[in-house]
PDB file of N, CA and C in Angstrom:
ATOM      1  N   MET A   1       0.842  -1.166   0.000  1.00  0.00           N
ATOM      2  CA  MET A   1       0.000   0.000   0.000  1.00  0.00           C
ATOM      3  C   MET A   1       0.893   1.236   0.000  1.00  0.00           C
ATOM      4  N   VAL A   2       0.522   2.225  -0.774  1.00  0.00           N
ATOM      5  CA  VAL A   2       1.252   3.484  -0.843  1.00  0.00           C
ATOM      6  C   VAL A   2       0.432   4.552  -0.139  1.00  0.00           C
ATOM      7  N   VAL A   3       1.099   5.288   0.755  1.00  0.00           N
ATOM      8  CA  VAL A   3       0.468   6.405   1.444  1.00  0.00           C
ATOM      9  C   VAL A   3       1.277   7.640   1.092  1.00  0.00           C
ATOM     10  N   SER A   4       0.622   8.696   0.685  1.00  0.00           N
ATOM     11  CA  SER A   4       1.316   9.919   0.319  1.00  0.00           C
ATOM     12  C   SER A   4       0.785  11.075   1.150  1.00  0.00           C
ATOM     13  N   VAL A   5       1.697  11.714   1.877  1.00  0.00           N
ATOM     14  CA  VAL A   5       1.361  12.901   2.656  1.00  0.00           C
ATOM     15  C   VAL A   5       2.438  13.944   2.408  1.00  0.00           C
ATOM     16  N   CYS A   6       2.096  15.173   2.602  1.00  0.00           N
ATOM     17  CA  CYS A   6       3.070  16.239   2.390  1.00  0.00           C
ATOM     18  C   CYS A   6       2.838  17.353   3.406  1.00  0.00           C
ATOM     19  N   PRO A   7       3.266  17.119   4.664  1.00  0.00           N
ATOM     20  CA  PRO A   7       3.111  18.181   5.652  1.00  0.00           C
ATOM     21  C   PRO A   7       3.920  19.416   5.248  1.00  0.00           C
ATOM     22  N   ALA A   8       3.371  20.568   5.541  1.00  0.00           N
ATOM     23  CA  ALA A   8       4.034  21.824   5.205  1.00  0.00           C
ATOM     24  C   ALA A   8       3.701  22.859   6.270  1.00  0.00           C
ATOM     25  N   ALA A   9       4.617  23.799   6.444  1.00  0.00           N
ATOM     26  CA  ALA A   9       4.391  24.876   7.401  1.00  0.00           C
ATOM     27  C   ALA A   9       5.159  26.114   6.962  1.00  0.00           C
ATOM     28  N   ASN A  10       4.584  27.261   7.230  1.00  0.00           N
ATOM     29  CA  ASN A  10       5.307  28.505   7.042  1.00  0.00           C
ATOM     30  C   ASN A  10       6.119  28.760   8.301  1.00  0.00           C
ATOM     31  N   VAL A  11       7.360  29.178   8.113  1.00  0.00           N
ATOM     32  CA  VAL A  11       8.291  29.385   9.218  1.00  0.00           C
ATOM     33  C   VAL A  11       8.724  30.843   9.219  1.00  0.00           C
ATOM     34  N   ALA A  12       8.704  31.465  10.381  1.00  0.00           N
ATOM     35  CA  ALA A  12       9.097  32.864  10.507  1.00  0.00           C
ATOM     36  C   ALA A  12      10.612  32.967  10.636  1.00  0.00           C
ATOM     37  N   ALA A  13      11.307  32.576   9.575  1.00  0.00           N
ATOM     38  CA  ALA A  13      12.768  32.650   9.523  1.00  0.00           C
ATOM     39  C   ALA A  13      13.179  32.694   8.056  1.00  0.00           C
ATOM     40  N   PRO A  14      14.286  33.350   7.766  1.00  0.00           N
ATOM     41  CA  PRO A  14      14.755  33.405   6.384  1.00  0.00           C
ATOM     42  C   PRO A  14      15.083  32.009   5.853  1.00  0.00           C
ATOM     43  N   VAL A  15      14.920  31.825   4.554  1.00  0.00           N
ATOM     44  CA  VAL A  15      15.138  30.515   3.944  1.00  0.00           C
ATOM     45  C   VAL A  15      16.549  29.996   4.222  1.00  0.00           C
ATOM     46  N   GLU A  16      17.562  30.845   4.210  1.00  0.00           N
ATOM     47  CA  GLU A  16      18.935  30.381   4.426  1.00  0.00           C
ATOM     48  C   GLU A  16      19.144  29.856   5.853  1.00  0.00           C
ATOM     49  N   ALA A  17      18.486  30.472   6.840  1.00  0.00           N
ATOM     50  CA  ALA A  17      18.608  29.987   8.220  1.00  0.00           C
ATOM     51  C   ALA A  17      17.965  28.608   8.368  1.00  0.00           C
ATOM     52  N   VAL A  18      16.822  28.420   7.739  1.00  0.00           N
ATOM     53  CA  VAL A  18      16.134  27.126   7.795  1.00  0.00           C
ATOM     54  C   VAL A  18      16.914  26.093   6.989  1.00  0.00           C
ATOM     55  N   TRP A  19      17.436  26.485   5.841  1.00  0.00           N
ATOM     56  CA  TRP A  19      18.206  25.568   5.007  1.00  0.00           C
ATOM     57  C   TRP A  19      19.410  25.010   5.778  1.00  0.00           C
ATOM     58  N   GLU A  20      20.054  25.851   6.587  1.00  0.00           N
ATOM     59  CA  GLU A  20      21.186  25.375   7.386  1.00  0.00           C
ATOM     60  C   GLU A  20      20.763  24.259   8.346  1.00  0.00           C
ATOM     61  N   LEU A  21      19.555  24.335   8.878  1.00  0.00           N
ATOM     62  CA  LEU A  21      19.046  23.269   9.751  1.00  0.00           C
ATOM     63  C   LEU A  21      18.765  21.996   8.966  1.00  0.00           C
ATOM     64  N   LEU A  22      18.402  22.125   7.696  1.00  0.00           N
ATOM     65  CA  LEU A  22      18.068  20.959   6.876  1.00  0.00           C
ATOM     66  C   LEU A  22      19.289  20.343   6.195  1.00  0.00           C
ATOM     67  N   ALA A  23      20.259  21.161   5.811  1.00  0.00           N
ATOM     68  CA  ALA A  23      21.379  20.689   5.001  1.00  0.00           C
ATOM     69  C   ALA A  23      22.531  20.116   5.810  1.00  0.00           C
ATOM     70  N   ILE A  24      22.474  20.256   7.133  1.00  0.00           N
ATOM     71  CA  ILE A  24      23.545  19.731   7.985  1.00  0.00           C
ATOM     72  C   ILE A  24      22.910  18.767   8.990  1.00  0.00           C
ATOM     73  N   PRO A  25      23.041  17.460   8.747  1.00  0.00           N
ATOM     74  CA  PRO A  25      22.366  16.476   9.609  1.00  0.00           C
ATOM     75  C   PRO A  25      22.654  16.624  11.107  1.00  0.00           C
ATOM     76  N   SER A  26      23.833  17.107  11.480  1.00  0.00           N
ATOM     77  CA  SER A  26      24.115  17.273  12.916  1.00  0.00           C
ATOM     78  C   SER A  26      23.205  18.322  13.554  1.00  0.00           C
ATOM     79  N   ASN A  27      22.543  19.144  12.745  1.00  0.00           N
ATOM     80  CA  ASN A  27      21.571  20.121  13.259  1.00  0.00           C
ATOM     81  C   ASN A  27      20.187  19.515  13.478  1.00  0.00           C
ATOM     82  N   TYR A  28      19.944  18.300  12.991  1.00  0.00           N
ATOM     83  CA  TYR A  28      18.605  17.713  13.059  1.00  0.00           C
ATOM     84  C   TYR A  28      18.097  17.571  14.491  1.00  0.00           C
ATOM     85  N   ASP A  29      18.999  17.326  15.441  1.00  0.00           N
ATOM     86  CA  ASP A  29      18.577  17.190  16.840  1.00  0.00           C
ATOM     87  C   ASP A  29      17.884  18.454  17.357  1.00  0.00           C
ATOM     88  N   LYS A  30      18.111  19.580  16.698  1.00  0.00           N
ATOM     89  CA  LYS A  30      17.497  20.841  17.117  1.00  0.00           C
ATOM     90  C   LYS A  30      16.024  20.919  16.756  1.00  0.00           C
ATOM     91  N   TRP A  31      15.557  20.085  15.792  1.00  0.00           N
ATOM     92  CA  TRP A  31      14.177  20.266  15.328  1.00  0.00           C
ATOM     93  C   TRP A  31      13.377  18.983  15.181  1.00  0.00           C
ATOM     94  N   TRP A  32      13.971  17.815  15.384  1.00  0.00           N
ATOM     95  CA  TRP A  32      13.171  16.596  15.250  1.00  0.00           C
ATOM     96  C   TRP A  32      13.219  15.785  16.531  1.00  0.00           C
ATOM     97  N   ASP A  33      12.329  14.837  16.640  1.00  0.00           N
ATOM     98  CA  ASP A  33      12.187  14.027  17.847  1.00  0.00           C
ATOM     99  C   ASP A  33      13.033  12.758  17.747  1.00  0.00           C
ATOM    100  N   ALA A  34      14.325  12.959  17.520  1.00  0.00           N
ATOM    101  CA  ALA A  34      15.264  11.850  17.431  1.00  0.00           C
ATOM    102  C   ALA A  34      16.652  12.394  17.764  1.00  0.00           C
ATOM    103  N   HIS A  35      17.588  11.467  17.936  1.00  0.00           N
ATOM    104  CA  HIS A  35      18.965  11.846  18.219  1.00  0.00           C
ATOM    105  C   HIS A  35      19.864  11.256  17.139  1.00  0.00           C
ATOM    106  N   LEU A  36      20.612  12.111  16.447  1.00  0.00           N
ATOM    107  CA  LEU A  36      21.538  11.646  15.419  1.00  0.00           C
ATOM    108  C   LEU A  36      22.715  10.964  16.108  1.00  0.00           C
ATOM    109  N   VAL A  37      22.959   9.713  15.757  1.00  0.00           N
ATOM    110  CA  VAL A  37      24.047   8.944  16.348  1.00  0.00           C
ATOM    111  C   VAL A  37      25.329   9.126  15.540  1.00  0.00           C
ATOM    112  N   ARG A  38      25.222   9.041  14.211  1.00  0.00           N
ATOM    113  CA  ARG A  38      26.401   9.223  13.365  1.00  0.00           C
ATOM    114  C   ARG A  38      25.985   9.506  11.918  1.00  0.00           C
ATOM    115  N   SER A  39      26.904  10.154  11.218  1.00  0.00           N
ATOM    116  CA  SER A  39      26.777  10.406   9.784  1.00  0.00           C
ATOM    117  C   SER A  39      28.048   9.901   9.117  1.00  0.00           C
ATOM    118  N   VAL A  40      27.882   9.174   8.024  1.00  0.00           N
ATOM    119  CA  VAL A  40      29.031   8.671   7.278  1.00  0.00           C
ATOM    120  C   VAL A  40      28.850   9.048   5.815  1.00  0.00           C
ATOM    121  N   PRO A  41      29.667   9.942   5.269  1.00  0.00           N
ATOM    122  CA  PRO A  41      30.692  10.711   5.958  1.00  0.00           C
ATOM    123  C   PRO A  41      30.067  11.828   6.806  1.00  0.00           C
ATOM    124  N   GLU A  42      30.842  12.333   7.762  1.00  0.00           N
ATOM    125  CA  GLU A  42      30.379  13.446   8.587  1.00  0.00           C
ATOM    126  C   GLU A  42      30.298  14.708   7.740  1.00  0.00           C
ATOM    127  N   GLY A  43      29.571  15.691   8.259  1.00  0.00           N
ATOM    128  CA  GLY A  43      29.506  16.986   7.593  1.00  0.00           C
ATOM    129  C   GLY A  43      28.162  17.240   6.949  1.00  0.00           C
ATOM    130  N   PRO A  44      28.125  18.238   6.066  1.00  0.00           N
ATOM    131  CA  PRO A  44      26.873  18.589   5.392  1.00  0.00           C
ATOM    132  C   PRO A  44      26.331  17.414   4.587  1.00  0.00           C
ATOM    133  N   ALA A  45      25.041  17.444   4.317  1.00  0.00           N
ATOM    134  CA  ALA A  45      24.409  16.387   3.531  1.00  0.00           C
ATOM    135  C   ALA A  45      25.057  16.295   2.155  1.00  0.00           C
ATOM    136  N   THR A  46      25.394  15.065   1.768  1.00  0.00           N
ATOM    137  CA  THR A  46      25.955  14.790   0.448  1.00  0.00           C
ATOM    138  C   THR A  46      25.326  13.504  -0.072  1.00  0.00           C
ATOM    139  N   PRO A  47      25.180  13.376  -1.370  1.00  0.00           N
ATOM    140  CA  PRO A  47      24.607  12.139  -1.906  1.00  0.00           C
ATOM    141  C   PRO A  47      25.386  10.916  -1.424  1.00  0.00           C
ATOM    142  N   GLY A  48      24.643   9.908  -0.971  1.00  0.00           N
ATOM    143  CA  GLY A  48      25.239   8.680  -0.459  1.00  0.00           C
ATOM    144  C   GLY A  48      25.509   8.695   1.034  1.00  0.00           C
ATOM    145  N   GLN A  49      25.400   9.839   1.667  1.00  0.00           N
ATOM    146  CA  GLN A  49      25.635   9.936   3.106  1.00  0.00           C
ATOM    147  C   GLN A  49      24.604   9.099   3.859  1.00  0.00           C
ATOM    148  N   ILE A  50      25.073   8.298   4.806  1.00  0.00           N
ATOM    149  CA  ILE A  50      24.198   7.455   5.618  1.00  0.00           C
ATOM    150  C   ILE A  50      24.166   8.029   7.028  1.00  0.00           C
ATOM    151  N   ASN A  51      22.964   8.300   7.513  1.00  0.00           N
ATOM    152  CA  ASN A  51      22.764   8.906   8.828  1.00  0.00           C
ATOM    153  C   ASN A  51      21.965   7.953   9.697  1.00  0.00           C
ATOM    154  N   SER A  52      22.482   7.693  10.893  1.00  0.00           N
ATOM    155  CA  SER A  52      21.820   6.799  11.846  1.00  0.00           C
ATOM    156  C   SER A  52      21.325   7.622  13.024  1.00  0.00           C
ATOM    157  N   ALA A  53      20.095   7.350  13.426  1.00  0.00           N
ATOM    158  CA  ALA A  53      19.492   8.083  14.538  1.00  0.00           C
ATOM    159  C   ALA A  53      18.680   7.117  15.390  1.00  0.00           C
ATOM    160  N   THR A  54      18.329   7.569  16.584  1.00  0.00           N
ATOM    161  CA  THR A  54      17.433   6.804  17.454  1.00  0.00           C
ATOM    162  C   THR A  54      16.343   7.735  17.957  1.00  0.00           C
ATOM    163  N   THR A  55      15.208   7.150  18.251  1.00  0.00           N
ATOM    164  CA  THR A  55      14.104   7.890  18.848  1.00  0.00           C
ATOM    165  C   THR A  55      13.442   6.979  19.877  1.00  0.00           C
ATOM    166  N   ARG A  56      12.633   7.552  20.741  1.00  0.00           N
ATOM    167  CA  ARG A  56      11.962   6.766  21.778  1.00  0.00           C
ATOM    168  C   ARG A  56      10.458   6.945  21.654  1.00  0.00           C
ATOM    169  N   ALA A  57       9.751   5.817  21.780  1.00  0.00           N
ATOM    170  CA  ALA A  57       8.287   5.826  21.799  1.00  0.00           C
ATOM    171  C   ALA A  57       7.831   4.525  22.424  1.00  0.00           C
ATOM    172  N   PHE A  58       6.733   4.573  23.147  1.00  0.00           N
ATOM    173  CA  PHE A  58       6.147   3.390  23.770  1.00  0.00           C
ATOM    174  C   PHE A  58       7.145   2.664  24.669  1.00  0.00           C
ATOM    175  N   GLY A  59       8.034   3.435  25.317  1.00  0.00           N
ATOM    176  CA  GLY A  59       8.998   2.862  26.239  1.00  0.00           C
ATOM    177  C   GLY A  59      10.146   2.126  25.580  1.00  0.00           C
ATOM    178  N   LYS A  60      10.301   2.264  24.263  1.00  0.00           N
ATOM    179  CA  LYS A  60      11.375   1.582  23.540  1.00  0.00           C
ATOM    180  C   LYS A  60      12.213   2.578  22.757  1.00  0.00           C
ATOM    181  N   GLN A  61      13.423   2.168  22.456  1.00  0.00           N
ATOM    182  CA  GLN A  61      14.278   2.937  21.567  1.00  0.00           C
ATOM    183  C   GLN A  61      14.163   2.344  20.173  1.00  0.00           C
ATOM    184  N   TRP A  62      14.022   3.209  19.166  1.00  0.00           N
ATOM    185  CA  TRP A  62      13.844   2.779  17.781  1.00  0.00           C
ATOM    186  C   TRP A  62      14.961   3.358  16.929  1.00  0.00           C
ATOM    187  N   ASP A  63      15.432   2.562  15.996  1.00  0.00           N
ATOM    188  CA  ASP A  63      16.465   3.025  15.065  1.00  0.00           C
ATOM    189  C   ASP A  63      15.824   3.618  13.815  1.00  0.00           C
ATOM    190  N   VAL A  64      16.431   4.671  13.316  1.00  0.00           N
ATOM    191  CA  VAL A  64      16.012   5.319  12.077  1.00  0.00           C
ATOM    192  C   VAL A  64      17.280   5.546  11.249  1.00  0.00           C
ATOM    193  N   ILE A  65      17.249   5.140  10.001  1.00  0.00           N
ATOM    194  CA  ILE A  65      18.380   5.344   9.092  1.00  0.00           C
ATOM    195  C   ILE A  65      17.884   6.172   7.919  1.00  0.00           C
ATOM    196  N   PHE A  66      18.620   7.228   7.585  1.00  0.00           N
ATOM    197  CA  PHE A  66      18.245   7.962   6.378  1.00  0.00           C
ATOM    198  C   PHE A  66      19.469   8.188   5.514  1.00  0.00           C
ATOM    199  N   VAL A  67      19.269   7.922   4.226  1.00  0.00           N
ATOM    200  CA  VAL A  67      20.326   8.041   3.237  1.00  0.00           C
ATOM    201  C   VAL A  67      20.003   9.234   2.343  1.00  0.00           C
ATOM    202  N   VAL A  68      20.972  10.104   2.167  1.00  0.00           N
ATOM    203  CA  VAL A  68      20.796  11.243   1.280  1.00  0.00           C
ATOM    204  C   VAL A  68      20.923  10.736  -0.155  1.00  0.00           C
ATOM    205  N   LYS A  69      19.850  10.846  -0.911  1.00  0.00           N
ATOM    206  CA  LYS A  69      19.861  10.403  -2.307  1.00  0.00           C
ATOM    207  C   LYS A  69      20.386  11.502  -3.231  1.00  0.00           C
ATOM    208  N   SER A  70      19.931  12.727  -2.995  1.00  0.00           N
ATOM    209  CA  SER A  70      20.440  13.865  -3.769  1.00  0.00           C
ATOM    210  C   SER A  70      20.173  15.136  -2.979  1.00  0.00           C
ATOM    211  N   ILE A  71      20.904  16.171  -3.326  1.00  0.00           N
ATOM    212  CA  ILE A  71      20.727  17.473  -2.684  1.00  0.00           C
ATOM    213  C   ILE A  71      20.850  18.543  -3.759  1.00  0.00           C
ATOM    214  N   GLN A  72      19.943  19.511  -3.710  1.00  0.00           N
ATOM    215  CA  GLN A  72      19.931  20.608  -4.669  1.00  0.00           C
ATOM    216  C   GLN A  72      19.932  21.924  -3.881  1.00  0.00           C
ATOM    217  N   PRO A  73      21.120  22.386  -3.482  1.00  0.00           N
ATOM    218  CA  PRO A  73      21.201  23.597  -2.657  1.00  0.00           C
ATOM    219  C   PRO A  73      20.521  24.813  -3.276  1.00  0.00           C
ATOM    220  N   ALA A  74      20.627  25.002  -4.587  1.00  0.00           N
ATOM    221  CA  ALA A  74      20.014  26.172  -5.227  1.00  0.00           C
ATOM    222  C   ALA A  74      18.497  26.156  -5.086  1.00  0.00           C
ATOM    223  N   ARG A  75      17.912  24.950  -4.996  1.00  0.00           N
ATOM    224  CA  ARG A  75      16.459  24.820  -4.822  1.00  0.00           C
ATOM    225  C   ARG A  75      16.092  24.564  -3.365  1.00  0.00           C
ATOM    226  N   HIS A  76      17.091  24.520  -2.474  1.00  0.00           N
ATOM    227  CA  HIS A  76      16.875  24.228  -1.056  1.00  0.00           C
ATOM    228  C   HIS A  76      16.087  22.923  -0.903  1.00  0.00           C
ATOM    229  N   GLN A  77      16.607  21.865  -1.519  1.00  0.00           N
ATOM    230  CA  GLN A  77      15.877  20.598  -1.560  1.00  0.00           C
ATOM    231  C   GLN A  77      16.820  19.415  -1.307  1.00  0.00           C
ATOM    232  N   ILE A  78      16.351  18.475  -0.485  1.00  0.00           N
ATOM    233  CA  ILE A  78      17.085  17.248  -0.187  1.00  0.00           C
ATOM    234  C   ILE A  78      16.145  16.074  -0.395  1.00  0.00           C
ATOM    235  N   HIS A  79      16.632  15.045  -1.097  1.00  0.00           N
ATOM    236  CA  HIS A  79      15.876  13.812  -1.286  1.00  0.00           C
ATOM    237  C   HIS A  79      16.493  12.742  -0.392  1.00  0.00           C
ATOM    238  N   LEU A  80      15.653  12.079   0.399  1.00  0.00           N
ATOM    239  CA  LEU A  80      16.115  11.082   1.361  1.00  0.00           C
ATOM    240  C   LEU A  80      15.359   9.775   1.196  1.00  0.00           C
ATOM    241  N   ASP A  81      16.015   8.679   1.507  1.00  0.00           N
ATOM    242  CA  ASP A  81      15.341   7.404   1.729  1.00  0.00           C
ATOM    243  C   ASP A  81      15.471   7.126   3.218  1.00  0.00           C
ATOM    244  N   VAL A  82      14.337   7.054   3.904  1.00  0.00           N
ATOM    245  CA  VAL A  82      14.321   6.901   5.351  1.00  0.00           C
ATOM    246  C   VAL A  82      13.794   5.513   5.700  1.00  0.00           C
ATOM    247  N   THR A  83      14.591   4.739   6.447  1.00  0.00           N
ATOM    248  CA  THR A  83      14.173   3.422   6.909  1.00  0.00           C
ATOM    249  C   THR A  83      13.715   3.559   8.352  1.00  0.00           C
ATOM    250  N   LEU A  84      12.453   3.231   8.581  1.00  0.00           N
ATOM    251  CA  LEU A  84      11.806   3.380   9.883  1.00  0.00           C
ATOM    252  C   LEU A  84      11.538   2.001  10.489  1.00  0.00           C
ATOM    253  N   PRO A  85      11.155   1.969  11.764  1.00  0.00           N
ATOM    254  CA  PRO A  85      10.792   0.684  12.373  1.00  0.00           C
ATOM    255  C   PRO A  85       9.675  -0.023  11.595  1.00  0.00           C
ATOM    256  N   PHE A  86       9.584  -1.317  11.801  1.00  0.00           N
ATOM    257  CA  PHE A  86       8.571  -2.181  11.187  1.00  0.00           C
ATOM    258  C   PHE A  86       8.726  -2.289   9.676  1.00  0.00           C
ATOM    259  N   GLY A  87       9.929  -2.025   9.162  1.00  0.00           N
ATOM    260  CA  GLY A  87      10.177  -2.185   7.740  1.00  0.00           C
ATOM    261  C   GLY A  87       9.610  -1.083   6.863  1.00  0.00           C
ATOM    262  N   LEU A  88       9.183   0.016   7.459  1.00  0.00           N
ATOM    263  CA  LEU A  88       8.643   1.129   6.678  1.00  0.00           C
ATOM    264  C   LEU A  88       9.779   1.903   6.012  1.00  0.00           C
ATOM    265  N   ILE A  89       9.585   2.251   4.756  1.00  0.00           N
ATOM    266  CA  ILE A  89      10.558   3.050   4.028  1.00  0.00           C
ATOM    267  C   ILE A  89       9.846   4.280   3.474  1.00  0.00           C
ATOM    268  N   ASP A  90      10.433   5.430   3.723  1.00  0.00           N
ATOM    269  CA  ASP A  90       9.870   6.704   3.288  1.00  0.00           C
ATOM    270  C   ASP A  90      10.824   7.323   2.272  1.00  0.00           C
ATOM    271  N   HIS A  91      10.360   7.525   1.059  1.00  0.00           N
ATOM    272  CA  HIS A  91      11.122   8.248   0.044  1.00  0.00           C
ATOM    273  C   HIS A  91      10.675   9.700   0.188  1.00  0.00           C
ATOM    274  N   ALA A  92      11.479  10.499   0.871  1.00  0.00           N
ATOM    275  CA  ALA A  92      11.057  11.835   1.271  1.00  0.00           C
ATOM    276  C   ALA A  92      11.846  12.920   0.563  1.00  0.00           C
ATOM    277  N   THR A  93      11.190  14.056   0.420  1.00  0.00           N
ATOM    278  CA  THR A  93      11.841  15.254  -0.099  1.00  0.00           C
ATOM    279  C   THR A  93      11.590  16.388   0.885  1.00  0.00           C
ATOM    280  N   LEU A  94      12.660  17.005   1.339  1.00  0.00           N
ATOM    281  CA  LEU A  94      12.573  18.203   2.170  1.00  0.00           C
ATOM    282  C   LEU A  94      12.795  19.394   1.253  1.00  0.00           C
ATOM    283  N   THR A  95      11.861  20.336   1.271  1.00  0.00           N
ATOM    284  CA  THR A  95      11.962  21.514   0.418  1.00  0.00           C
ATOM    285  C   THR A  95      11.708  22.766   1.247  1.00  0.00           C
ATOM    286  N   CYS A  96      12.530  23.757   1.045  1.00  0.00           N
ATOM    287  CA  CYS A  96      12.393  25.032   1.743  1.00  0.00           C
ATOM    288  C   CYS A  96      12.280  26.122   0.673  1.00  0.00           C
ATOM    289  N   THR A  97      11.142  26.814   0.655  1.00  0.00           N
ATOM    290  CA  THR A  97      10.864  27.805  -0.377  1.00  0.00           C
ATOM    291  C   THR A  97      10.681  29.180   0.272  1.00  0.00           C
ATOM    292  N   PRO A  98      11.420  30.179  -0.189  1.00  0.00           N
ATOM    293  CA  PRO A  98      11.238  31.513   0.410  1.00  0.00           C
ATOM    294  C   PRO A  98       9.839  32.058   0.142  1.00  0.00           C
ATOM    295  N   VAL A  99       9.258  32.684   1.149  1.00  0.00           N
ATOM    296  CA  VAL A  99       7.990  33.399   1.001  1.00  0.00           C
ATOM    297  C   VAL A  99       8.301  34.884   0.837  1.00  0.00           C
ATOM    298  N   ASP A 100       9.171  35.383   1.707  1.00  0.00           N
ATOM    299  CA  ASP A 100       9.694  36.745   1.623  1.00  0.00           C
ATOM    300  C   ASP A 100      11.055  36.742   2.317  1.00  0.00           C
ATOM    301  N   ASP A 101      11.621  37.907   2.590  1.00  0.00           N
ATOM    302  CA  ASP A 101      12.964  37.952   3.189  1.00  0.00           C
ATOM    303  C   ASP A 101      13.042  37.365   4.589  1.00  0.00           C
ATOM    304  N   MET A 102      11.931  37.308   5.292  1.00  0.00           N
ATOM    305  CA  MET A 102      11.938  36.868   6.686  1.00  0.00           C
ATOM    306  C   MET A 102      11.105  35.618   6.959  1.00  0.00           C
ATOM    307  N   SER A 103      10.652  34.933   5.920  1.00  0.00           N
ATOM    308  CA  SER A 103       9.888  33.701   6.146  1.00  0.00           C
ATOM    309  C   SER A 103      10.035  32.765   4.958  1.00  0.00           C
ATOM    310  N   CYS A 104       9.721  31.496   5.223  1.00  0.00           N
ATOM    311  CA  CYS A 104       9.790  30.488   4.166  1.00  0.00           C
ATOM    312  C   CYS A 104       8.765  29.388   4.446  1.00  0.00           C
ATOM    313  N   ARG A 105       8.555  28.558   3.461  1.00  0.00           N
ATOM    314  CA  ARG A 105       7.632  27.433   3.581  1.00  0.00           C
ATOM    315  C   ARG A 105       8.471  26.163   3.527  1.00  0.00           C
ATOM    316  N   VAL A 106       8.286  25.283   4.510  1.00  0.00           N
ATOM    317  CA  VAL A 106       9.016  24.023   4.579  1.00  0.00           C
ATOM    318  C   VAL A 106       8.033  22.901   4.325  1.00  0.00           C
ATOM    319  N   GLN A 107       8.387  22.004   3.382  1.00  0.00           N
ATOM    320  CA  GLN A 107       7.540  20.856   3.051  1.00  0.00           C
ATOM    321  C   GLN A 107       8.343  19.582   3.209  1.00  0.00           C
ATOM    322  N   TYR A 108       7.637  18.552   3.667  1.00  0.00           N
ATOM    323  CA  TYR A 108       8.211  17.215   3.797  1.00  0.00           C
ATOM    324  C   TYR A 108       7.250  16.265   3.097  1.00  0.00           C
ATOM    325  N   GLY A 109       7.729  15.621   2.107  1.00  0.00           N
ATOM    326  CA  GLY A 109       6.820  14.697   1.422  1.00  0.00           C
ATOM    327  C   GLY A 109       7.488  13.974   0.302  1.00  0.00           C
TER     328      GLY A 109
END
């Protein structure tokens, strides 16, 4: 079964500030409900980079792996393959689009 969702939100921050949170996996702990354990290779998101994280729910620790498939800095876009518990795989795209000088729209889908 295929499920398609695309959560989006307007953020009161310039696109470049938000992009820095998205383009550097070590910043993910600042905005998501997981802890980044390691990135191989370390540093900014690059195609082929494998990122391992853990999260907690229902009294258990869960592993999450996400692989950077491609990154398009000029479009503020990252394509990821995310492996979640229970064999779920999410082919996700993070996109950050400027609304004006002080805000942007962030989409995950």
